Structures are given as C-alpha cells and as structure tokens.
Amino acid sequence: MVYYGCMIISASRRTDIPAFYPRWFLERIRAGYCTVPNPFNHSQVAFISLAPKDVEVIVFWSRNPRPLFSYLPELDSRGFHYYFHFTLLDYPILLDTNNPPLVARLDTFRRLAERLRPQRVIWRYDPIVLTDTTPPDFHAERFSHIAKYLRGYTTRCVISLLDFYWKTHSRMKGFVQRSGSIWQPEDNVSKLGILVSNLADTAKCNGMEIVSCAEEIDLCAYGVRQGKCIDDALISELFGLDVSHSKDPGQRKVCNCVVSRDIGMYDSCLFGCQYCYATSSFKRARMNYMRHDPYSPSLLS
C-alpha cells in the first residue's frame, strides 16, 4: 500500500461525492484517511491521508452539492481549504437523465456562493454537446439564461467540447438514433467560433472570465484562454497557499491541472448523463451505490 500525504485532494472527477456520498466523505475526514484502489488494478491500493495537516486544498466536483451543505461547518471547523466546480447545464432529459430541476440547481449554486464567496464556486458549462437537438443556438440561449441567474455569484466559467470515450460511444449512438446527428467541431469550425465568441461575450457581460478545460482545439482566438481546474494560481489567490506548480502526469496531455489525488471511484454516479466518461454501466453504478458502506475506508468496498 502506498501512502500519500500533504497534497491537493480531488473529490472527485470519477463520481459526484457531494451529491451521493457526503456521509462517507465526512466519515473519512473524521477517520483522517481513506483508501483508493487503482481503477485499473484493484490489488494496488493507495492510502491517502485526510488529516488537516496533510490536505492542502480539497477540490469538489458536483452537479448537486446540496447534500454536503450540512457538513461544511465541520470542514470549516477542522481548518480545511476547499472550492467547488459546479456543473450547470440545461440539456434535454435524453442527455441528462437524473439531474434535479434547473431552478433547484440554480438556487443551490447561489446558496453555496453566498456561504463561501463567488470566487470559490466555479461554474462548469461542460461538456458542450452539439447535436441536431442541441445546436449552437440552443447553447447560446441556455448559457445566457443561466449566466444571468449566476451574475454576482461566480467569477469564472469553464467550458469544454464533448470528447468521445469508448464508455460513451454506444450510449451516444443511441441518442443519435433518437435525436439526430452529433456535430463534429472540426467539421463546423465557423459555427463553433461564432458560438464560443458568443459564450465569451455573455460571460464577460455577466462579470465572469471564461476558460477552457483540457481542450485540444485552441479557443483563444474566440476569447477563451486555456484554464486549470485544479489551479495553483487560484489556490494562491483564494487561500494564500503555495502548492505544487507541476502538471499532473496522470491527466491527459491537454489538461493543465496541477498534481492532486482523486479519492473517488468509477461506476458509482447516479446522474445517468449519456456522455459521462466515468460510468461504463448505469446498472453497475446503481448496484455499487446500493452496496456502498459509508464507514468503508474506500468509496466502494
């Protein structure tokens, strides 16, 4: 077993811990550690310290962090630094199957920003899925609608284009059969440029900078610089901490995030997003959730 301490904790790119596993998370905080099996070799297990002295920052990723709200005072009392990536889209139910209603998610976002500060709650409008059902005009309209509600409640928006993974290929193929073709960005460069410029202008008008996440297409010409989701500069600005400036070697080449340790596990999220790279089987995710033990050292025993 490999021990990891004194680093940034990602909670989590692999699943929505705030939405579905907040009790487990706080039990691990109280225990001072968690274990994370290697997703490609479960016989290799990492021991990750969650003691306050060893955790520089916690970065949460969520579509609905409200279930974690009641535990935030304990995190604060223990002296943890943290910020949120909050995904807010308004896709048809065929794409986003189990998300709470948009009005409820907007309220959750605003409540969280009021509690923490707008700088600590980052709006993620990603992935951008371009189809006959969700063309550029759809995104321009929905992005503008959400941005107006979030004006004054966040200072940064993150966007990215849909990446195709083997886990999502068959699901998206089924979506196409029901809803029309998927647009390939490289085949629609002019339309993509118009859309991204529109989103950048909308974000600016609502007091937000807009950055991209692990995007192979250079969007700088349209007003969107490359960003870091786990961002050493932002962490310094928010908490006055000097964390690692090294790129995370475990992430894709186009990802600019600095080094962190993720404590989540795949096939455990229940939102049922058709484009999700972290869930290969929605049925397996439901079964894993039902077997979940909030007192287990690992998210999935």
C-alpha atoms as a PDB file:
ATOM      1  CA  MET A   1       0.000   0.000   0.000  1.00  0.00           C
ATOM      2  CA  VAL A   2       1.355   3.416  -0.977  1.00  0.00           C
ATOM      3  CA  TYR A   3       0.948   6.341   1.439  1.00  0.00           C
ATOM      4  CA  TYR A   4       0.086   9.833   0.154  1.00  0.00           C
ATOM      5  CA  GLY A   5       0.058  12.935   2.301  1.00  0.00           C
ATOM      6  CA  CYS A   6       0.402  16.720   2.000  1.00  0.00           C
ATOM      7  CA  MET A   7      -1.314  17.323  -1.301  1.00  0.00           C
ATOM      8  CA  ILE A   8      -4.445  18.520  -3.067  1.00  0.00           C
ATOM      9  CA  ILE A   9      -7.463  16.211  -2.830  1.00  0.00           C
ATOM     10  CA  SER A  10      -9.832  15.875  -5.802  1.00  0.00           C
ATOM     11  CA  ALA A  11     -13.354  14.842  -4.777  1.00  0.00           C
ATOM     12  CA  SER A  12     -13.909  13.784  -7.460  1.00  0.00           C
ATOM     13  CA  ARG A  13     -13.512  13.587 -11.230  1.00  0.00           C
ATOM     14  CA  ARG A  14     -14.699   9.970 -11.079  1.00  0.00           C
ATOM     15  CA  THR A  15     -18.029  10.423  -9.327  1.00  0.00           C
ATOM     16  CA  ASP A  16     -20.198  13.017  -7.581  1.00  0.00           C
ATOM     17  CA  ILE A  17     -19.167  12.684  -3.938  1.00  0.00           C
ATOM     18  CA  PRO A  18     -21.069  15.786  -2.693  1.00  0.00           C
ATOM     19  CA  ALA A  19     -24.334  14.592  -4.272  1.00  0.00           C
ATOM     20  CA  PHE A  20     -24.247  10.877  -3.411  1.00  0.00           C
ATOM     21  CA  TYR A  21     -21.530  10.166  -0.846  1.00  0.00           C
ATOM     22  CA  PRO A  22     -21.301  13.127   1.558  1.00  0.00           C
ATOM     23  CA  ARG A  23     -21.673  10.930   4.660  1.00  0.00           C
ATOM     24  CA  TRP A  24     -18.817   8.681   3.529  1.00  0.00           C
ATOM     25  CA  PHE A  25     -16.654  11.701   2.853  1.00  0.00           C
ATOM     26  CA  LEU A  26     -17.146  13.168   6.330  1.00  0.00           C
ATOM     27  CA  GLU A  27     -16.593   9.799   7.979  1.00  0.00           C
ATOM     28  CA  ARG A  28     -13.249   9.605   6.175  1.00  0.00           C
ATOM     29  CA  ILE A  29     -12.414  13.162   7.241  1.00  0.00           C
ATOM     30  CA  ARG A  30     -13.145  12.141  10.826  1.00  0.00           C
ATOM     31  CA  ALA A  31     -11.046   8.988  10.442  1.00  0.00           C
ATOM     32  CA  GLY A  32      -8.213  11.013   8.926  1.00  0.00           C
ATOM     33  CA  TYR A  33      -7.626   8.844   5.874  1.00  0.00           C
ATOM     34  CA  CYS A  34      -9.194   6.945   3.007  1.00  0.00           C
ATOM     35  CA  THR A  35      -8.042   4.182   0.683  1.00  0.00           C
ATOM     36  CA  VAL A  36      -8.351   4.259  -3.107  1.00  0.00           C
ATOM     37  CA  PRO A  37      -7.834   1.167  -5.249  1.00  0.00           C
ATOM     38  CA  ASN A  38      -6.104   1.715  -8.575  1.00  0.00           C
ATOM     39  CA  PRO A  39      -9.014   1.827 -11.074  1.00  0.00           C
ATOM     40  CA  PHE A  40      -7.027  -0.384 -13.467  1.00  0.00           C
ATOM     41  CA  ASN A  41      -5.617  -2.782 -10.865  1.00  0.00           C
ATOM     42  CA  HIS A  42      -7.665  -3.110  -7.681  1.00  0.00           C
ATOM     43  CA  SER A  43      -4.913  -5.056  -5.951  1.00  0.00           C
ATOM     44  CA  GLN A  44      -2.943  -1.801  -5.798  1.00  0.00           C
ATOM     45  CA  VAL A  45      -4.366   0.383  -3.050  1.00  0.00           C
ATOM     46  CA  ALA A  46      -3.339   3.917  -2.123  1.00  0.00           C
ATOM     47  CA  PHE A  47      -3.574   5.124   1.491  1.00  0.00           C
ATOM     48  CA  ILE A  48      -4.393   8.826   1.385  1.00  0.00           C
ATOM     49  CA  SER A  49      -4.124  10.960   4.483  1.00  0.00           C
ATOM     50  CA  LEU A  50      -7.079  13.270   5.080  1.00  0.00           C
ATOM     51  CA  ALA A  51      -5.614  14.814   8.199  1.00  0.00           C
ATOM     52  CA  PRO A  52      -5.840  18.625   8.077  1.00  0.00           C
ATOM     53  CA  LYS A  53      -2.040  18.922   8.232  1.00  0.00           C
ATOM     54  CA  ASP A  54      -1.702  16.768   5.102  1.00  0.00           C
ATOM     55  CA  VAL A  55      -4.510  18.224   2.962  1.00  0.00           C
ATOM     56  CA  GLU A  56      -3.560  21.445   1.245  1.00  0.00           C
ATOM     57  CA  VAL A  57      -6.879  22.010  -0.554  1.00  0.00           C
ATOM     58  CA  ILE A  58      -9.966  19.958  -1.400  1.00  0.00           C
ATOM     59  CA  VAL A  59     -11.424  20.478  -4.874  1.00  0.00           C
ATOM     60  CA  PHE A  60     -15.036  19.315  -5.096  1.00  0.00           C
ATOM     61  CA  TRP A  61     -16.759  18.461  -8.399  1.00  0.00           C
ATOM     62  CA  SER A  62     -20.548  18.244  -8.372  1.00  0.00           C
ATOM     63  CA  ARG A  63     -23.840  18.717 -10.154  1.00  0.00           C
ATOM     64  CA  ASN A  64     -25.721  18.959  -6.863  1.00  0.00           C
ATOM     65  CA  PRO A  65     -23.605  19.702  -3.784  1.00  0.00           C
ATOM     66  CA  ARG A  66     -26.622  20.467  -1.581  1.00  0.00           C
ATOM     67  CA  PRO A  67     -26.381  17.138   0.358  1.00  0.00           C
ATOM     68  CA  LEU A  68     -22.915  18.227   1.510  1.00  0.00           C
ATOM     69  CA  PHE A  69     -24.099  21.576   2.888  1.00  0.00           C
ATOM     70  CA  SER A  70     -24.790  20.323   6.415  1.00  0.00           C
ATOM     71  CA  TYR A  71     -21.226  19.027   6.679  1.00  0.00           C
ATOM     72  CA  LEU A  72     -19.458  22.206   5.566  1.00  0.00           C
ATOM     73  CA  PRO A  73     -19.354  23.733   9.076  1.00  0.00           C
ATOM     74  CA  GLU A  74     -17.368  20.718  10.265  1.00  0.00           C
ATOM     75  CA  LEU A  75     -14.927  21.072   7.377  1.00  0.00           C
ATOM     76  CA  ASP A  76     -14.503  24.726   8.292  1.00  0.00           C
ATOM     77  CA  SER A  77     -14.005  23.989  11.995  1.00  0.00           C
ATOM     78  CA  ARG A  78     -11.282  21.471  11.136  1.00  0.00           C
ATOM     79  CA  GLY A  79      -9.461  24.110   9.091  1.00  0.00           C
ATOM     80  CA  PHE A  80      -9.815  22.695   5.582  1.00  0.00           C
ATOM     81  CA  HIS A  81      -9.483  24.865   2.487  1.00  0.00           C
ATOM     82  CA  TYR A  82     -11.784  23.958  -0.403  1.00  0.00           C
ATOM     83  CA  TYR A  83     -13.554  25.200  -3.502  1.00  0.00           C
ATOM     84  CA  PHE A  84     -16.175  23.809  -5.874  1.00  0.00           C
ATOM     85  CA  HIS A  85     -16.580  23.048  -9.546  1.00  0.00           C
ATOM     86  CA  PHE A  86     -20.356  23.149 -10.049  1.00  0.00           C
ATOM     87  CA  THR A  87     -21.655  21.782 -13.361  1.00  0.00           C
ATOM     88  CA  LEU A  88     -24.777  23.600 -14.553  1.00  0.00           C
ATOM     89  CA  LEU A  89     -26.294  22.693 -17.922  1.00  0.00           C
ATOM     90  CA  ASP A  90     -29.851  22.560 -19.150  1.00  0.00           C
ATOM     91  CA  TYR A  91     -29.892  19.614 -21.524  1.00  0.00           C
ATOM     92  CA  PRO A  92     -32.937  17.577 -22.585  1.00  0.00           C
ATOM     93  CA  ILE A  93     -33.696  14.606 -20.342  1.00  0.00           C
ATOM     94  CA  LEU A  94     -32.448  12.236 -23.039  1.00  0.00           C
ATOM     95  CA  LEU A  95     -28.940  13.572 -22.383  1.00  0.00           C
ATOM     96  CA  ASP A  96     -29.064  14.405 -18.655  1.00  0.00           C
ATOM     97  CA  THR A  97     -31.320  11.746 -17.226  1.00  0.00           C
ATOM     98  CA  ASN A  98     -31.450  12.286 -13.459  1.00  0.00           C
ATOM     99  CA  ASN A  99     -30.453  15.886 -12.758  1.00  0.00           C
ATOM    100  CA  PRO A 100     -32.575  17.936 -10.328  1.00  0.00           C
ATOM    101  CA  PRO A 101     -34.699  20.670 -11.951  1.00  0.00           C
ATOM    102  CA  LEU A 102     -32.661  23.619 -13.188  1.00  0.00           C
ATOM    103  CA  VAL A 103     -34.394  26.069 -10.842  1.00  0.00           C
ATOM    104  CA  ALA A 104     -33.332  23.949  -7.842  1.00  0.00           C
ATOM    105  CA  ARG A 105     -29.735  23.731  -9.068  1.00  0.00           C
ATOM    106  CA  LEU A 106     -29.565  27.482  -9.622  1.00  0.00           C
ATOM    107  CA  ASP A 107     -30.802  28.039  -6.072  1.00  0.00           C
ATOM    108  CA  THR A 108     -28.205  25.590  -4.736  1.00  0.00           C
ATOM    109  CA  PHE A 109     -25.446  27.397  -6.622  1.00  0.00           C
ATOM    110  CA  ARG A 110     -26.440  30.779  -5.266  1.00  0.00           C
ATOM    111  CA  ARG A 111     -26.745  29.490  -1.699  1.00  0.00           C
ATOM    112  CA  LEU A 112     -23.295  27.922  -1.908  1.00  0.00           C
ATOM    113  CA  ALA A 113     -21.748  31.099  -3.331  1.00  0.00           C
ATOM    114  CA  GLU A 114     -23.360  33.177  -0.591  1.00  0.00           C
ATOM    115  CA  ARG A 115     -21.813  30.898   2.000  1.00  0.00           C
ATOM    116  CA  LEU A 116     -18.319  30.565   0.531  1.00  0.00           C
ATOM    117  CA  ARG A 117     -17.786  33.609  -1.765  1.00  0.00           C
ATOM    118  CA  PRO A 118     -18.353  33.641  -5.525  1.00  0.00           C
ATOM    119  CA  GLN A 119     -14.640  33.050  -6.228  1.00  0.00           C
ATOM    120  CA  ARG A 120     -14.857  29.612  -4.558  1.00  0.00           C
ATOM    121  CA  VAL A 121     -17.722  28.330  -6.711  1.00  0.00           C
ATOM    122  CA  ILE A 122     -16.795  27.831 -10.360  1.00  0.00           C
ATOM    123  CA  TRP A 123     -19.498  27.320 -12.966  1.00  0.00           C
ATOM    124  CA  ARG A 124     -18.840  24.471 -15.383  1.00  0.00           C
ATOM    125  CA  TYR A 125     -20.771  24.590 -18.643  1.00  0.00           C
ATOM    126  CA  ASP A 126     -19.333  21.371 -19.962  1.00  0.00           C
ATOM    127  CA  PRO A 127     -19.305  19.310 -21.958  1.00  0.00           C
ATOM    128  CA  ILE A 128     -20.812  21.225 -24.848  1.00  0.00           C
ATOM    129  CA  VAL A 129     -22.653  18.557 -26.854  1.00  0.00           C
ATOM    130  CA  LEU A 130     -23.534  19.785 -30.342  1.00  0.00           C
ATOM    131  CA  THR A 131     -26.322  17.800 -31.989  1.00  0.00           C
ATOM    132  CA  ASP A 132     -29.381  18.450 -34.137  1.00  0.00           C
ATOM    133  CA  THR A 133     -31.295  18.710 -30.842  1.00  0.00           C
ATOM    134  CA  THR A 134     -28.718  20.921 -29.117  1.00  0.00           C
ATOM    135  CA  PRO A 135     -27.268  23.136 -31.892  1.00  0.00           C
ATOM    136  CA  PRO A 136     -25.239  26.329 -31.285  1.00  0.00           C
ATOM    137  CA  ASP A 137     -28.381  28.467 -30.902  1.00  0.00           C
ATOM    138  CA  PHE A 138     -29.577  26.160 -28.124  1.00  0.00           C
ATOM    139  CA  HIS A 139     -26.323  26.607 -26.202  1.00  0.00           C
ATOM    140  CA  ALA A 140     -26.203  30.357 -26.738  1.00  0.00           C
ATOM    141  CA  GLU A 141     -29.721  30.742 -25.337  1.00  0.00           C
ATOM    142  CA  ARG A 142     -29.355  28.367 -22.361  1.00  0.00           C
ATOM    143  CA  PHE A 143     -25.901  29.682 -21.456  1.00  0.00           C
ATOM    144  CA  SER A 144     -27.239  33.239 -21.427  1.00  0.00           C
ATOM    145  CA  HIS A 145     -30.213  32.215 -19.290  1.00  0.00           C
ATOM    146  CA  ILE A 146     -28.011  30.529 -16.681  1.00  0.00           C
ATOM    147  CA  ALA A 147     -25.345  33.268 -16.732  1.00  0.00           C
ATOM    148  CA  LYS A 148     -27.917  35.936 -15.885  1.00  0.00           C
ATOM    149  CA  TYR A 149     -29.024  33.954 -12.815  1.00  0.00           C
ATOM    150  CA  LEU A 150     -25.413  33.448 -11.709  1.00  0.00           C
ATOM    151  CA  ARG A 151     -24.331  37.073 -12.189  1.00  0.00           C
ATOM    152  CA  GLY A 152     -22.617  38.123  -8.972  1.00  0.00           C
ATOM    153  CA  TYR A 153     -22.464  34.530  -7.701  1.00  0.00           C
ATOM    154  CA  THR A 154     -19.368  33.344  -9.580  1.00  0.00           C
ATOM    155  CA  THR A 155     -16.386  34.916 -11.279  1.00  0.00           C
ATOM    156  CA  ARG A 156     -15.261  32.058 -13.542  1.00  0.00           C
ATOM    157  CA  CYS A 157     -16.899  29.759 -16.079  1.00  0.00           C
ATOM    158  CA  VAL A 158     -15.270  26.635 -17.529  1.00  0.00           C
ATOM    159  CA  ILE A 159     -16.269  25.205 -20.901  1.00  0.00           C
ATOM    160  CA  SER A 160     -15.164  22.221 -22.970  1.00  0.00           C
ATOM    161  CA  LEU A 161     -16.337  20.349 -26.026  1.00  0.00           C
ATOM    162  CA  LEU A 162     -17.559  16.770 -25.862  1.00  0.00           C
ATOM    163  CA  ASP A 163     -14.816  14.153 -26.007  1.00  0.00           C
ATOM    164  CA  PHE A 164     -15.752  10.679 -27.170  1.00  0.00           C
ATOM    165  CA  TYR A 165     -14.683   7.772 -24.966  1.00  0.00           C
ATOM    166  CA  TRP A 166     -15.307   4.080 -25.507  1.00  0.00           C
ATOM    167  CA  LYS A 167     -17.597   4.106 -22.452  1.00  0.00           C
ATOM    168  CA  THR A 168     -19.884   6.692 -24.045  1.00  0.00           C
ATOM    169  CA  HIS A 169     -19.830   5.608 -27.684  1.00  0.00           C
ATOM    170  CA  SER A 170     -22.763   3.181 -27.579  1.00  0.00           C
ATOM    171  CA  ARG A 171     -24.876   5.474 -25.378  1.00  0.00           C
ATOM    172  CA  MET A 172     -24.349   8.495 -27.623  1.00  0.00           C
ATOM    173  CA  LYS A 173     -25.025   6.315 -30.653  1.00  0.00           C
ATOM    174  CA  GLY A 174     -28.418   5.504 -29.140  1.00  0.00           C
ATOM    175  CA  PHE A 175     -29.049   9.187 -28.507  1.00  0.00           C
ATOM    176  CA  VAL A 176     -28.236   9.976 -32.130  1.00  0.00           C
ATOM    177  CA  GLN A 177     -30.741   7.389 -33.349  1.00  0.00           C
ATOM    178  CA  ARG A 178     -33.477   9.128 -31.365  1.00  0.00           C
ATOM    179  CA  SER A 179     -32.453  12.767 -31.691  1.00  0.00           C
ATOM    180  CA  GLY A 180     -30.377  13.381 -34.810  1.00  0.00           C
ATOM    181  CA  SER A 181     -26.690  13.565 -35.627  1.00  0.00           C
ATOM    182  CA  ILE A 182     -23.803  14.749 -33.458  1.00  0.00           C
ATOM    183  CA  TRP A 183     -21.858  17.704 -34.844  1.00  0.00           C
ATOM    184  CA  GLN A 184     -18.105  17.242 -35.030  1.00  0.00           C
ATOM    185  CA  PRO A 185     -16.443  20.556 -34.034  1.00  0.00           C
ATOM    186  CA  GLU A 186     -13.659  20.162 -36.597  1.00  0.00           C
ATOM    187  CA  ASP A 187     -16.316  19.965 -39.334  1.00  0.00           C
ATOM    188  CA  ASN A 188     -18.102  23.101 -38.140  1.00  0.00           C
ATOM    189  CA  VAL A 189     -15.254  25.456 -37.271  1.00  0.00           C
ATOM    190  CA  SER A 190     -17.026  28.650 -38.310  1.00  0.00           C
ATOM    191  CA  LYS A 191     -20.194  27.820 -36.355  1.00  0.00           C
ATOM    192  CA  LEU A 192     -18.104  26.741 -33.376  1.00  0.00           C
ATOM    193  CA  GLY A 193     -16.187  30.015 -33.462  1.00  0.00           C
ATOM    194  CA  ILE A 194     -19.403  32.041 -33.502  1.00  0.00           C
ATOM    195  CA  LEU A 195     -20.797  30.038 -30.569  1.00  0.00           C
ATOM    196  CA  VAL A 196     -17.660  30.279 -28.426  1.00  0.00           C
ATOM    197  CA  SER A 197     -17.332  34.015 -29.096  1.00  0.00           C
ATOM    198  CA  ASN A 198     -20.971  34.397 -28.074  1.00  0.00           C
ATOM    199  CA  LEU A 199     -20.394  32.492 -24.821  1.00  0.00           C
ATOM    200  CA  ALA A 200     -17.287  34.562 -24.060  1.00  0.00           C
ATOM    201  CA  ASP A 201     -19.183  37.832 -24.611  1.00  0.00           C
ATOM    202  CA  THR A 202     -22.089  36.626 -22.473  1.00  0.00           C
ATOM    203  CA  ALA A 203     -19.771  35.582 -19.653  1.00  0.00           C
ATOM    204  CA  LYS A 204     -17.969  38.937 -19.733  1.00  0.00           C
ATOM    205  CA  CYS A 205     -21.260  40.839 -19.650  1.00  0.00           C
ATOM    206  CA  ASN A 206     -22.176  38.904 -16.518  1.00  0.00           C
ATOM    207  CA  GLY A 207     -18.898  39.549 -14.706  1.00  0.00           C
ATOM    208  CA  MET A 208     -17.214  36.205 -15.392  1.00  0.00           C
ATOM    209  CA  GLU A 209     -13.969  35.187 -17.022  1.00  0.00           C
ATOM    210  CA  ILE A 210     -14.318  32.141 -19.262  1.00  0.00           C
ATOM    211  CA  VAL A 211     -11.671  29.424 -19.651  1.00  0.00           C
ATOM    212  CA  SER A 212     -11.437  26.054 -21.359  1.00  0.00           C
ATOM    213  CA  CYS A 213     -10.842  22.634 -19.799  1.00  0.00           C
ATOM    214  CA  ALA A 214      -8.436  20.139 -21.425  1.00  0.00           C
ATOM    215  CA  GLU A 215      -9.439  21.362 -24.873  1.00  0.00           C
ATOM    216  CA  GLU A 216      -7.462  20.243 -27.918  1.00  0.00           C
ATOM    217  CA  ILE A 217      -8.979  22.991 -30.069  1.00  0.00           C
ATOM    218  CA  ASP A 218      -7.376  26.369 -29.389  1.00  0.00           C
ATOM    219  CA  LEU A 219     -10.193  28.711 -28.366  1.00  0.00           C
ATOM    220  CA  CYS A 220      -8.007  31.724 -27.523  1.00  0.00           C
ATOM    221  CA  ALA A 221      -8.936  33.450 -30.788  1.00  0.00           C
ATOM    222  CA  TYR A 222     -12.564  33.450 -29.602  1.00  0.00           C
ATOM    223  CA  GLY A 223     -11.813  34.970 -26.185  1.00  0.00           C
ATOM    224  CA  VAL A 224     -11.406  31.764 -24.168  1.00  0.00           C
ATOM    225  CA  ARG A 225      -7.997  31.081 -22.655  1.00  0.00           C
ATOM    226  CA  GLN A 226      -6.784  27.667 -21.527  1.00  0.00           C
ATOM    227  CA  GLY A 227      -7.617  27.047 -17.904  1.00  0.00           C
ATOM    228  CA  LYS A 228      -6.720  24.785 -14.991  1.00  0.00           C
ATOM    229  CA  CYS A 229      -9.475  23.154 -12.965  1.00  0.00           C
ATOM    230  CA  ILE A 230      -7.048  22.322 -10.171  1.00  0.00           C
ATOM    231  CA  ASP A 231      -5.350  25.667 -10.342  1.00  0.00           C
ATOM    232  CA  ASP A 232      -2.249  26.641  -8.364  1.00  0.00           C
ATOM    233  CA  ALA A 233      -2.724  30.347  -9.143  1.00  0.00           C
ATOM    234  CA  LEU A 234      -6.365  30.298  -7.992  1.00  0.00           C
ATOM    235  CA  ILE A 235      -5.422  28.425  -4.809  1.00  0.00           C
ATOM    236  CA  SER A 236      -2.801  31.067  -4.049  1.00  0.00           C
ATOM    237  CA  GLU A 237      -5.347  33.817  -4.661  1.00  0.00           C
ATOM    238  CA  LEU A 238      -8.070  32.196  -2.541  1.00  0.00           C
ATOM    239  CA  PHE A 239      -6.067  30.834   0.377  1.00  0.00           C
ATOM    240  CA  GLY A 240      -2.563  32.289   0.148  1.00  0.00           C
ATOM    241  CA  LEU A 241      -1.059  28.815  -0.294  1.00  0.00           C
ATOM    242  CA  ASP A 242       1.941  27.912  -2.428  1.00  0.00           C
ATOM    243  CA  VAL A 243       1.065  24.442  -3.770  1.00  0.00           C
ATOM    244  CA  SER A 244       2.749  22.343  -6.440  1.00  0.00           C
ATOM    245  CA  HIS A 245       3.090  24.046  -9.807  1.00  0.00           C
ATOM    246  CA  SER A 246       3.777  20.761 -11.598  1.00  0.00           C
ATOM    247  CA  LYS A 247       1.356  19.467 -14.209  1.00  0.00           C
ATOM    248  CA  ASP A 248      -0.439  16.310 -13.101  1.00  0.00           C
ATOM    249  CA  PRO A 249       1.167  13.446 -15.081  1.00  0.00           C
ATOM    250  CA  GLY A 250      -1.899  11.271 -14.508  1.00  0.00           C
ATOM    251  CA  GLN A 251      -4.114  13.552 -16.597  1.00  0.00           C
ATOM    252  CA  ARG A 252      -4.350  13.954 -20.350  1.00  0.00           C
ATOM    253  CA  LYS A 253      -1.648  15.837 -22.231  1.00  0.00           C
ATOM    254  CA  VAL A 254      -4.002  18.773 -22.889  1.00  0.00           C
ATOM    255  CA  CYS A 255      -5.001  19.020 -19.207  1.00  0.00           C
ATOM    256  CA  ASN A 256      -3.209  21.825 -17.353  1.00  0.00           C
ATOM    257  CA  CYS A 257      -4.222  20.829 -13.812  1.00  0.00           C
ATOM    258  CA  VAL A 258      -1.541  20.623 -11.146  1.00  0.00           C
ATOM    259  CA  VAL A 259      -0.883  17.428  -9.194  1.00  0.00           C
ATOM    260  CA  SER A 260      -3.673  16.071  -7.000  1.00  0.00           C
ATOM    261  CA  ARG A 261      -5.002  12.760  -5.678  1.00  0.00           C
ATOM    262  CA  ASP A 262      -8.523  11.697  -6.600  1.00  0.00           C
ATOM    263  CA  ILE A 263     -10.435   9.793  -3.910  1.00  0.00           C
ATOM    264  CA  GLY A 264     -13.439   8.749  -5.995  1.00  0.00           C
ATOM    265  CA  MET A 265     -14.158   5.543  -7.913  1.00  0.00           C
ATOM    266  CA  TYR A 266     -15.690   4.912 -11.312  1.00  0.00           C
ATOM    267  CA  ASP A 267     -19.157   3.408 -11.879  1.00  0.00           C
ATOM    268  CA  SER A 268     -20.681   4.978  -8.788  1.00  0.00           C
ATOM    269  CA  CYS A 269     -22.547   8.104 -10.003  1.00  0.00           C
ATOM    270  CA  LEU A 270     -26.339   8.010 -10.385  1.00  0.00           C
ATOM    271  CA  PHE A 271     -26.949  11.063 -12.560  1.00  0.00           C
ATOM    272  CA  GLY A 272     -27.055   8.975 -15.727  1.00  0.00           C
ATOM    273  CA  CYS A 273     -25.549  11.528 -18.105  1.00  0.00           C
ATOM    274  CA  GLN A 274     -25.301   9.881 -21.509  1.00  0.00           C
ATOM    275  CA  TYR A 275     -21.899  11.421 -22.274  1.00  0.00           C
ATOM    276  CA  CYS A 276     -20.311  10.509 -18.913  1.00  0.00           C
ATOM    277  CA  TYR A 277     -16.796   9.058 -19.257  1.00  0.00           C
ATOM    278  CA  ALA A 278     -16.704   7.914 -15.601  1.00  0.00           C
ATOM    279  CA  THR A 279     -19.609   5.454 -15.825  1.00  0.00           C
ATOM    280  CA  SER A 280     -19.398   2.477 -18.147  1.00  0.00           C
ATOM    281  CA  SER A 281     -22.650   0.938 -16.869  1.00  0.00           C
ATOM    282  CA  PHE A 282     -25.543   2.764 -15.209  1.00  0.00           C
ATOM    283  CA  LYS A 283     -26.803  -0.570 -13.854  1.00  0.00           C
ATOM    284  CA  ARG A 284     -23.434  -1.276 -12.238  1.00  0.00           C
ATOM    285  CA  ALA A 285     -23.384   2.230 -10.777  1.00  0.00           C
ATOM    286  CA  ARG A 286     -26.786   1.660  -9.126  1.00  0.00           C
ATOM    287  CA  MET A 287     -25.661  -1.697  -7.731  1.00  0.00           C
ATOM    288  CA  ASN A 288     -22.448  -0.166  -6.383  1.00  0.00           C
ATOM    289  CA  TYR A 289     -24.414   2.628  -4.749  1.00  0.00           C
ATOM    290  CA  MET A 290     -26.763   0.139  -3.069  1.00  0.00           C
ATOM    291  CA  ARG A 291     -23.792  -1.842  -1.694  1.00  0.00           C
ATOM    292  CA  HIS A 292     -21.961   1.288  -0.554  1.00  0.00           C
ATOM    293  CA  ASP A 293     -20.885   1.354   3.099  1.00  0.00           C
ATOM    294  CA  PRO A 294     -20.417   4.909   4.453  1.00  0.00           C
ATOM    295  CA  TYR A 295     -17.938   3.561   7.016  1.00  0.00           C
ATOM    296  CA  SER A 296     -15.721   1.777   4.499  1.00  0.00           C
ATOM    297  CA  PRO A 297     -12.184   3.167   4.007  1.00  0.00           C
ATOM    298  CA  SER A 298     -12.815   3.056   0.227  1.00  0.00           C
ATOM    299  CA  LEU A 299     -15.794   4.587  -1.530  1.00  0.00           C
ATOM    300  CA  LEU A 300     -16.675   1.132  -2.871  1.00  0.00           C
ATOM    301  CA  SER A 301     -15.737  -1.784  -0.672  1.00  0.00           C
END
